[in-house]
C-alpha cells in the first residue's frame, strides 16, 4: 500500500470520507485501493487534475 492508501485509511478511521480519482492507465498497471468511500476512474491524468480542482 502506498502513501495515498495509508492516508485514505487514516481518514476513514477517523470518520471521514476518502474519495479517489485515478486515470485508467494507472488502474491498468496498479491495484486500485478498494477501501475508499468512492473511486472515480478517468481517461487521462489531465482529467484527474480537473476533478481535483472542482472538488476544492
N, C-alpha and C. Protein backbone atom coordinates (compact mmCIF):
# COMPACT_ATOMS: atom_id res chain seq x y z
N UNK A 1 0.86 -1.17 0.00
CA UNK A 1 0.00 0.00 0.00
C UNK A 1 0.90 1.24 0.00
N UNK A 2 0.56 2.19 -0.81
CA UNK A 2 1.34 3.41 -0.92
C UNK A 2 0.87 4.48 0.07
N UNK A 3 1.46 5.63 -0.07
CA UNK A 3 1.15 6.75 0.81
C UNK A 3 -0.32 7.14 0.74
N UNK A 4 -0.88 7.17 -0.47
CA UNK A 4 -2.29 7.55 -0.60
C UNK A 4 -3.20 6.54 0.09
N UNK A 5 -2.84 5.26 0.07
CA UNK A 5 -3.63 4.24 0.76
C UNK A 5 -3.58 4.43 2.26
N UNK A 6 -2.39 4.73 2.79
CA UNK A 6 -2.25 4.99 4.22
C UNK A 6 -3.08 6.20 4.62
N UNK A 7 -2.99 7.26 3.84
CA UNK A 7 -3.77 8.47 4.11
C UNK A 7 -5.27 8.16 4.07
N UNK A 8 -5.71 7.42 3.06
CA UNK A 8 -7.12 7.04 2.95
C UNK A 8 -7.58 6.25 4.16
N UNK A 9 -6.77 5.31 4.61
CA UNK A 9 -7.11 4.52 5.80
C UNK A 9 -7.28 5.40 7.03
N UNK A 10 -6.37 6.36 7.21
CA UNK A 10 -6.45 7.24 8.38
C UNK A 10 -7.70 8.12 8.33
N UNK A 11 -8.00 8.66 7.16
CA UNK A 11 -9.21 9.50 7.01
C UNK A 11 -10.45 8.69 7.37
N UNK A 12 -10.53 7.47 6.86
CA UNK A 12 -11.70 6.62 7.14
C UNK A 12 -11.75 6.21 8.62
N UNK A 13 -10.59 5.93 9.19
CA UNK A 13 -10.53 5.53 10.59
C UNK A 13 -11.08 6.62 11.52
N UNK A 14 -10.88 7.86 11.14
CA UNK A 14 -11.35 8.97 11.96
C UNK A 14 -12.71 9.51 11.51
N UNK A 15 -13.43 8.71 10.70
CA UNK A 15 -14.81 9.04 10.36
C UNK A 15 -15.00 9.90 9.13
N UNK A 16 -13.93 10.17 8.39
CA UNK A 16 -14.06 11.00 7.19
C UNK A 16 -14.40 10.18 5.97
N UNK A 17 -14.50 10.86 4.84
CA UNK A 17 -14.74 10.21 3.56
C UNK A 17 -13.48 10.34 2.71
N UNK A 18 -13.08 9.25 2.10
CA UNK A 18 -11.90 9.23 1.24
C UNK A 18 -12.34 8.90 -0.18
N UNK A 19 -12.23 9.89 -1.07
CA UNK A 19 -12.65 9.73 -2.45
C UNK A 19 -11.43 9.74 -3.35
N UNK A 20 -11.31 8.74 -4.21
CA UNK A 20 -10.15 8.63 -5.08
C UNK A 20 -10.46 8.96 -6.52
N UNK A 21 -9.45 9.46 -7.22
CA UNK A 21 -9.53 9.71 -8.66
C UNK A 21 -8.27 9.11 -9.26
N UNK A 22 -8.45 8.23 -10.25
CA UNK A 22 -7.32 7.53 -10.83
C UNK A 22 -7.48 7.44 -12.34
N UNK A 23 -6.45 7.79 -13.11
CA UNK A 23 -6.55 7.63 -14.55
C UNK A 23 -6.52 6.14 -14.93
N UNK A 24 -7.21 5.81 -16.01
CA UNK A 24 -7.34 4.41 -16.44
C UNK A 24 -5.99 3.73 -16.63
N UNK A 25 -5.01 4.45 -17.22
CA UNK A 25 -3.72 3.80 -17.48
C UNK A 25 -3.03 3.38 -16.18
N UNK A 26 -3.24 4.09 -15.08
CA UNK A 26 -2.67 3.66 -13.80
C UNK A 26 -3.45 2.49 -13.22
N UNK A 27 -4.76 2.51 -13.39
CA UNK A 27 -5.57 1.39 -12.89
C UNK A 27 -5.15 0.10 -13.58
N UNK A 28 -4.81 0.20 -14.87
CA UNK A 28 -4.36 -0.98 -15.62
C UNK A 28 -3.02 -1.50 -15.12
N UNK A 29 -2.20 -0.63 -14.53
CA UNK A 29 -0.85 -1.00 -14.09
C UNK A 29 -0.76 -1.28 -12.60
N UNK A 30 -1.67 -0.74 -11.82
CA UNK A 30 -1.61 -0.85 -10.37
C UNK A 30 -2.88 -1.47 -9.83
N UNK A 31 -2.84 -1.81 -8.57
CA UNK A 31 -4.04 -2.30 -7.90
C UNK A 31 -4.73 -1.08 -7.28
N UNK A 32 -5.97 -0.84 -7.71
CA UNK A 32 -6.74 0.29 -7.18
C UNK A 32 -7.12 0.00 -5.73
N UNK A 33 -7.07 1.01 -4.90
CA UNK A 33 -7.41 0.87 -3.48
C UNK A 33 -8.90 0.63 -3.35
N UNK A 34 -9.27 -0.46 -2.71
CA UNK A 34 -10.68 -0.88 -2.65
C UNK A 34 -11.44 -0.30 -1.46
N UNK A 35 -10.77 0.24 -0.46
CA UNK A 35 -11.44 0.63 0.76
C UNK A 35 -11.97 2.05 0.80
N UNK A 36 -11.89 2.77 -0.31
CA UNK A 36 -12.31 4.18 -0.32
C UNK A 36 -13.82 4.33 -0.31
N UNK A 37 -14.27 5.51 0.08
CA UNK A 37 -15.69 5.83 0.03
C UNK A 37 -16.17 5.78 -1.41
N UNK A 38 -15.37 6.33 -2.34
CA UNK A 38 -15.69 6.26 -3.76
C UNK A 38 -14.40 6.32 -4.57
N UNK A 39 -14.44 5.78 -5.77
CA UNK A 39 -13.30 5.81 -6.68
C UNK A 39 -13.82 6.19 -8.06
N UNK A 40 -13.24 7.22 -8.66
CA UNK A 40 -13.60 7.66 -10.00
C UNK A 40 -12.43 7.34 -10.92
N UNK A 41 -12.71 6.61 -11.99
CA UNK A 41 -11.70 6.30 -12.99
C UNK A 41 -11.92 7.25 -14.16
N UNK A 42 -10.85 7.96 -14.56
CA UNK A 42 -10.94 8.94 -15.65
C UNK A 42 -10.01 8.51 -16.79
N UNK A 43 -10.22 9.10 -17.95
CA UNK A 43 -9.44 8.73 -19.14
C UNK A 43 -7.97 9.12 -19.05
N UNK A 44 -7.71 10.36 -18.62
CA UNK A 44 -6.34 10.87 -18.65
C UNK A 44 -5.99 11.55 -17.33
N UNK A 45 -4.68 11.78 -17.15
CA UNK A 45 -4.22 12.48 -15.96
C UNK A 45 -4.75 13.91 -15.93
N UNK A 46 -4.86 14.55 -17.09
CA UNK A 46 -5.41 15.92 -17.16
C UNK A 46 -6.85 15.92 -16.64
N UNK A 47 -7.61 14.92 -16.97
CA UNK A 47 -8.99 14.82 -16.48
C UNK A 47 -9.01 14.62 -14.97
N UNK A 48 -8.08 13.85 -14.45
CA UNK A 48 -7.98 13.65 -13.00
C UNK A 48 -7.69 14.96 -12.30
N UNK A 49 -6.81 15.77 -12.87
CA UNK A 49 -6.48 17.07 -12.29
C UNK A 49 -7.70 17.98 -12.32
N UNK A 50 -8.48 17.93 -13.40
CA UNK A 50 -9.72 18.72 -13.47
C UNK A 50 -10.66 18.34 -12.32
N UNK A 51 -10.77 17.06 -12.03
CA UNK A 51 -11.65 16.60 -10.96
C UNK A 51 -11.17 17.11 -9.61
N UNK A 52 -9.86 17.10 -9.38
CA UNK A 52 -9.30 17.59 -8.11
C UNK A 52 -9.60 19.08 -7.94
N UNK A 53 -9.48 19.85 -8.99
CA UNK A 53 -9.72 21.29 -8.91
C UNK A 53 -11.18 21.57 -8.59
N UNK A 54 -12.10 20.85 -9.21
CA UNK A 54 -13.52 21.06 -8.94
C UNK A 54 -13.92 20.62 -7.55
N UNK A 55 -13.20 19.66 -6.96
CA UNK A 55 -13.56 19.15 -5.64
C UNK A 55 -13.21 20.13 -4.52
N UNK A 56 -12.38 21.11 -4.79
CA UNK A 56 -11.95 22.04 -3.73
C UNK A 56 -13.02 22.97 -3.32
